[in-house]
């Protein structure tokens, strides 16, 4: 399946700002009914047969964020404007994103990156740009798409 990141709107049927109930229903639509993972948690996350994890974050009964975790098989693709964020090396994702918008290393984690204008963030546990065999550092492990103001403090929401 092809998942197009569309900040700040959402991804697939998951729309930022939708009700928690609608988000739970949309998450269920993304589940493969013939291959339900025992790791699935209703209203929290699912794992597709490819290994792609899709997680939702709700507050005040509204969907605030969607996080997708890198699949272990290529059956699912997560794409932003033609950039396959999990199939390409992290270095290439950063380079291609920088041609579109501003992308910066996270202040507290230089192996991870934030696209402040789009409220996208890319995470990996460490930087391993020189070793394709070390997938944990060579590729991004997750991407988060969030609502505007998601990273503001509670008094700024």
C-alpha atoms as a PDB file:
ATOM      1  CA  UNK A   1       0.000   0.000   0.000  1.00  0.00           C
ATOM      2  CA  UNK A   2       1.120   3.548  -0.708  1.00  0.00           C
ATOM      3  CA  UNK A   3       0.898   6.079   2.146  1.00  0.00           C
ATOM      4  CA  UNK A   4       1.279   9.713   1.088  1.00  0.00           C
ATOM      5  CA  UNK A   5       2.277  12.097   3.852  1.00  0.00           C
ATOM      6  CA  UNK A   6       0.186  15.259   3.463  1.00  0.00           C
ATOM      7  CA  UNK A   7       1.115  17.668   6.247  1.00  0.00           C
ATOM      8  CA  UNK A   8      -0.685  19.259   8.001  1.00  0.00           C
ATOM      9  CA  UNK A   9      -3.737  17.316   6.777  1.00  0.00           C
ATOM     10  CA  UNK A  10      -2.685  13.758   7.590  1.00  0.00           C
ATOM     11  CA  UNK A  11      -1.938  10.454   5.898  1.00  0.00           C
ATOM     12  CA  UNK A  12      -4.463   8.205   4.181  1.00  0.00           C
ATOM     13  CA  UNK A  13      -7.790   8.257   6.012  1.00  0.00           C
ATOM     14  CA  UNK A  14      -6.140   9.646   9.172  1.00  0.00           C
ATOM     15  CA  UNK A  15      -6.841  13.383   9.262  1.00  0.00           C
ATOM     16  CA  UNK A  16      -5.306  15.651  11.871  1.00  0.00           C
ATOM     17  CA  UNK A  17      -8.097  17.146  13.977  1.00  0.00           C
ATOM     18  CA  UNK A  18     -10.586  14.316  13.446  1.00  0.00           C
ATOM     19  CA  UNK A  19     -12.349  12.925  16.491  1.00  0.00           C
ATOM     20  CA  UNK A  20     -10.724  10.111  18.467  1.00  0.00           C
ATOM     21  CA  UNK A  21     -13.607   7.814  17.461  1.00  0.00           C
ATOM     22  CA  UNK A  22     -13.138   8.624  13.765  1.00  0.00           C
ATOM     23  CA  UNK A  23      -9.354   8.208  14.122  1.00  0.00           C
ATOM     24  CA  UNK A  24      -9.846   4.774  15.696  1.00  0.00           C
ATOM     25  CA  UNK A  25     -12.145   3.782  12.807  1.00  0.00           C
ATOM     26  CA  UNK A  26      -9.671   5.122  10.218  1.00  0.00           C
ATOM     27  CA  UNK A  27      -6.831   3.209  11.875  1.00  0.00           C
ATOM     28  CA  UNK A  28      -8.909   0.034  11.688  1.00  0.00           C
ATOM     29  CA  UNK A  29      -9.370   0.624   7.933  1.00  0.00           C
ATOM     30  CA  UNK A  30      -5.586   0.435   7.512  1.00  0.00           C
ATOM     31  CA  UNK A  31      -5.381  -2.976   9.169  1.00  0.00           C
ATOM     32  CA  UNK A  32      -5.059  -6.002   6.893  1.00  0.00           C
ATOM     33  CA  UNK A  33      -8.100  -8.074   7.997  1.00  0.00           C
ATOM     34  CA  UNK A  34      -6.545 -11.362   6.886  1.00  0.00           C
ATOM     35  CA  UNK A  35      -3.293 -10.727   8.785  1.00  0.00           C
ATOM     36  CA  UNK A  36      -4.086  -8.982  12.074  1.00  0.00           C
ATOM     37  CA  UNK A  37      -0.982  -8.600  14.209  1.00  0.00           C
ATOM     38  CA  UNK A  38      -1.098  -9.769  17.833  1.00  0.00           C
ATOM     39  CA  UNK A  39       0.813  -6.539  18.603  1.00  0.00           C
ATOM     40  CA  UNK A  40      -2.079  -4.322  17.462  1.00  0.00           C
ATOM     41  CA  UNK A  41      -3.645  -2.121  20.136  1.00  0.00           C
ATOM     42  CA  UNK A  42      -7.060  -0.643  19.291  1.00  0.00           C
ATOM     43  CA  UNK A  43      -6.988   3.142  19.404  1.00  0.00           C
ATOM     44  CA  UNK A  44      -3.177   3.175  19.575  1.00  0.00           C
ATOM     45  CA  UNK A  45      -1.356   1.382  16.767  1.00  0.00           C
ATOM     46  CA  UNK A  46      -1.447  -1.359  14.178  1.00  0.00           C
ATOM     47  CA  UNK A  47       1.197  -3.377  12.377  1.00  0.00           C
ATOM     48  CA  UNK A  48       0.610  -4.196   8.739  1.00  0.00           C
ATOM     49  CA  UNK A  49       1.933  -7.504   7.262  1.00  0.00           C
ATOM     50  CA  UNK A  50       4.934  -5.577   5.847  1.00  0.00           C
ATOM     51  CA  UNK A  51       5.913  -4.623   9.396  1.00  0.00           C
ATOM     52  CA  UNK A  52       4.800  -1.002   8.877  1.00  0.00           C
ATOM     53  CA  UNK A  53       3.601   0.374  12.204  1.00  0.00           C
ATOM     54  CA  UNK A  54       0.929   3.082  12.186  1.00  0.00           C
ATOM     55  CA  UNK A  55       0.332   4.829  15.492  1.00  0.00           C
ATOM     56  CA  UNK A  56      -2.111   7.584  16.401  1.00  0.00           C
ATOM     57  CA  UNK A  57      -1.842  10.166  19.153  1.00  0.00           C
ATOM     58  CA  UNK A  58      -4.980  11.838  20.411  1.00  0.00           C
ATOM     59  CA  UNK A  59      -5.533  14.555  23.008  1.00  0.00           C
ATOM     60  CA  UNK A  60      -8.756  16.267  23.996  1.00  0.00           C
ATOM     61  CA  UNK A  61     -10.518  13.594  21.869  1.00  0.00           C
ATOM     62  CA  UNK A  62      -8.853  14.849  18.667  1.00  0.00           C
ATOM     63  CA  UNK A  63      -6.159  13.282  16.486  1.00  0.00           C
ATOM     64  CA  UNK A  64      -2.970  15.278  16.986  1.00  0.00           C
ATOM     65  CA  UNK A  65      -0.275  13.102  15.448  1.00  0.00           C
ATOM     66  CA  UNK A  66       0.336  10.073  13.263  1.00  0.00           C
ATOM     67  CA  UNK A  67       3.586   8.136  13.460  1.00  0.00           C
ATOM     68  CA  UNK A  68       4.666   5.518  10.952  1.00  0.00           C
ATOM     69  CA  UNK A  69       7.450   3.031  11.640  1.00  0.00           C
ATOM     70  CA  UNK A  70       9.686   1.585   8.943  1.00  0.00           C
ATOM     71  CA  UNK A  71       8.369  -1.638   7.416  1.00  0.00           C
ATOM     72  CA  UNK A  72      10.603  -4.687   7.214  1.00  0.00           C
ATOM     73  CA  UNK A  73       9.286  -5.554   3.725  1.00  0.00           C
ATOM     74  CA  UNK A  74       8.702  -3.247   0.715  1.00  0.00           C
ATOM     75  CA  UNK A  75       4.965  -4.009   0.366  1.00  0.00           C
ATOM     76  CA  UNK A  76       4.119  -0.641   1.988  1.00  0.00           C
ATOM     77  CA  UNK A  77       5.680   2.683   1.016  1.00  0.00           C
ATOM     78  CA  UNK A  78       5.534   5.960   2.952  1.00  0.00           C
ATOM     79  CA  UNK A  79       6.114   8.860   0.601  1.00  0.00           C
ATOM     80  CA  UNK A  80       6.334  12.644   0.752  1.00  0.00           C
ATOM     81  CA  UNK A  81       6.338  14.411  -2.630  1.00  0.00           C
ATOM     82  CA  UNK A  82       7.998  11.462  -4.344  1.00  0.00           C
ATOM     83  CA  UNK A  83      10.496  10.792  -1.552  1.00  0.00           C
ATOM     84  CA  UNK A  84      10.134   7.274  -0.125  1.00  0.00           C
ATOM     85  CA  UNK A  85      11.129   8.096   3.436  1.00  0.00           C
ATOM     86  CA  UNK A  86      11.916   4.524   4.493  1.00  0.00           C
ATOM     87  CA  UNK A  87      13.350   3.007   1.293  1.00  0.00           C
ATOM     88  CA  UNK A  88      15.989   5.710   0.773  1.00  0.00           C
ATOM     89  CA  UNK A  89      19.015   6.145   3.037  1.00  0.00           C
ATOM     90  CA  UNK A  90      18.416   8.833   5.689  1.00  0.00           C
ATOM     91  CA  UNK A  91      21.132  11.023   4.165  1.00  0.00           C
ATOM     92  CA  UNK A  92      19.305  10.963   0.805  1.00  0.00           C
ATOM     93  CA  UNK A  93      15.958  11.756   2.442  1.00  0.00           C
ATOM     94  CA  UNK A  94      17.513  14.791   4.149  1.00  0.00           C
ATOM     95  CA  UNK A  95      19.162  15.946   0.910  1.00  0.00           C
ATOM     96  CA  UNK A  96      15.949  15.606  -1.109  1.00  0.00           C
ATOM     97  CA  UNK A  97      13.828  17.231   1.602  1.00  0.00           C
ATOM     98  CA  UNK A  98      16.248  20.181   1.732  1.00  0.00           C
ATOM     99  CA  UNK A  99      15.497  20.797  -1.952  1.00  0.00           C
ATOM    100  CA  UNK A 100      11.822  21.267  -1.023  1.00  0.00           C
ATOM    101  CA  UNK A 101      11.893  22.953   2.396  1.00  0.00           C
ATOM    102  CA  UNK A 102      13.973  23.586   5.491  1.00  0.00           C
ATOM    103  CA  UNK A 103      15.041  20.447   7.348  1.00  0.00           C
ATOM    104  CA  UNK A 104      17.249  20.622  10.430  1.00  0.00           C
ATOM    105  CA  UNK A 105      18.905  18.174  12.778  1.00  0.00           C
ATOM    106  CA  UNK A 106      16.949  17.815  16.007  1.00  0.00           C
ATOM    107  CA  UNK A 107      18.518  19.846  18.818  1.00  0.00           C
ATOM    108  CA  UNK A 108      18.627  16.947  21.257  1.00  0.00           C
ATOM    109  CA  UNK A 109      19.291  14.182  18.713  1.00  0.00           C
ATOM    110  CA  UNK A 110      21.492  15.047  15.694  1.00  0.00           C
ATOM    111  CA  UNK A 111      20.728  11.672  14.034  1.00  0.00           C
ATOM    112  CA  UNK A 112      17.101  12.764  13.700  1.00  0.00           C
ATOM    113  CA  UNK A 113      15.602  15.635  11.719  1.00  0.00           C
ATOM    114  CA  UNK A 114      12.681  18.037  11.881  1.00  0.00           C
ATOM    115  CA  UNK A 115      10.875  19.860   9.083  1.00  0.00           C
ATOM    116  CA  UNK A 116       9.500  22.768  11.116  1.00  0.00           C
ATOM    117  CA  UNK A 117       7.345  24.307   8.375  1.00  0.00           C
ATOM    118  CA  UNK A 118       5.546  20.996   7.777  1.00  0.00           C
ATOM    119  CA  UNK A 119       5.625  19.551  11.298  1.00  0.00           C
ATOM    120  CA  UNK A 120       7.267  16.371  10.093  1.00  0.00           C
ATOM    121  CA  UNK A 121       9.994  14.684  12.085  1.00  0.00           C
ATOM    122  CA  UNK A 122      12.251  11.798  11.101  1.00  0.00           C
ATOM    123  CA  UNK A 123      13.847   9.563  13.735  1.00  0.00           C
ATOM    124  CA  UNK A 124      16.567   6.935  13.881  1.00  0.00           C
ATOM    125  CA  UNK A 125      18.428   5.772  16.978  1.00  0.00           C
ATOM    126  CA  UNK A 126      21.876   6.834  15.717  1.00  0.00           C
ATOM    127  CA  UNK A 127      23.626   8.124  12.619  1.00  0.00           C
ATOM    128  CA  UNK A 128      25.093   5.371  10.456  1.00  0.00           C
ATOM    129  CA  UNK A 129      25.295   7.014   7.050  1.00  0.00           C
ATOM    130  CA  UNK A 130      28.428   5.085   6.051  1.00  0.00           C
ATOM    131  CA  UNK A 131      27.184   1.562   6.699  1.00  0.00           C
ATOM    132  CA  UNK A 132      24.157   0.300   4.719  1.00  0.00           C
ATOM    133  CA  UNK A 133      24.377  -3.002   6.573  1.00  0.00           C
ATOM    134  CA  UNK A 134      23.476  -1.165   9.783  1.00  0.00           C
ATOM    135  CA  UNK A 135      19.857  -0.428   8.880  1.00  0.00           C
ATOM    136  CA  UNK A 136      19.013   1.129  12.271  1.00  0.00           C
ATOM    137  CA  UNK A 137      21.289   4.092  11.576  1.00  0.00           C
ATOM    138  CA  UNK A 138      21.377   4.112   7.791  1.00  0.00           C
ATOM    139  CA  UNK A 139      17.603   4.542   7.305  1.00  0.00           C
ATOM    140  CA  UNK A 140      15.015   6.475   9.237  1.00  0.00           C
ATOM    141  CA  UNK A 141      13.010   4.245  11.563  1.00  0.00           C
ATOM    142  CA  UNK A 142       9.977   6.481  11.936  1.00  0.00           C
ATOM    143  CA  UNK A 143       8.289   9.610  10.664  1.00  0.00           C
ATOM    144  CA  UNK A 144       5.820  11.682  12.641  1.00  0.00           C
ATOM    145  CA  UNK A 145       3.235  14.037  11.152  1.00  0.00           C
ATOM    146  CA  UNK A 146       1.572  16.360  13.677  1.00  0.00           C
ATOM    147  CA  UNK A 147      -0.825  19.244  14.048  1.00  0.00           C
ATOM    148  CA  UNK A 148       0.475  22.822  14.156  1.00  0.00           C
ATOM    149  CA  UNK A 149       1.450  23.657  17.728  1.00  0.00           C
ATOM    150  CA  UNK A 150       2.071  19.997  18.608  1.00  0.00           C
ATOM    151  CA  UNK A 151       5.482  20.770  20.100  1.00  0.00           C
ATOM    152  CA  UNK A 152       4.353  23.891  21.979  1.00  0.00           C
ATOM    153  CA  UNK A 153       4.069  23.731  25.740  1.00  0.00           C
ATOM    154  CA  UNK A 154       0.674  23.047  27.345  1.00  0.00           C
ATOM    155  CA  UNK A 155       0.117  26.749  28.048  1.00  0.00           C
ATOM    156  CA  UNK A 156       0.617  27.602  24.355  1.00  0.00           C
ATOM    157  CA  UNK A 157      -1.969  25.210  22.875  1.00  0.00           C
END
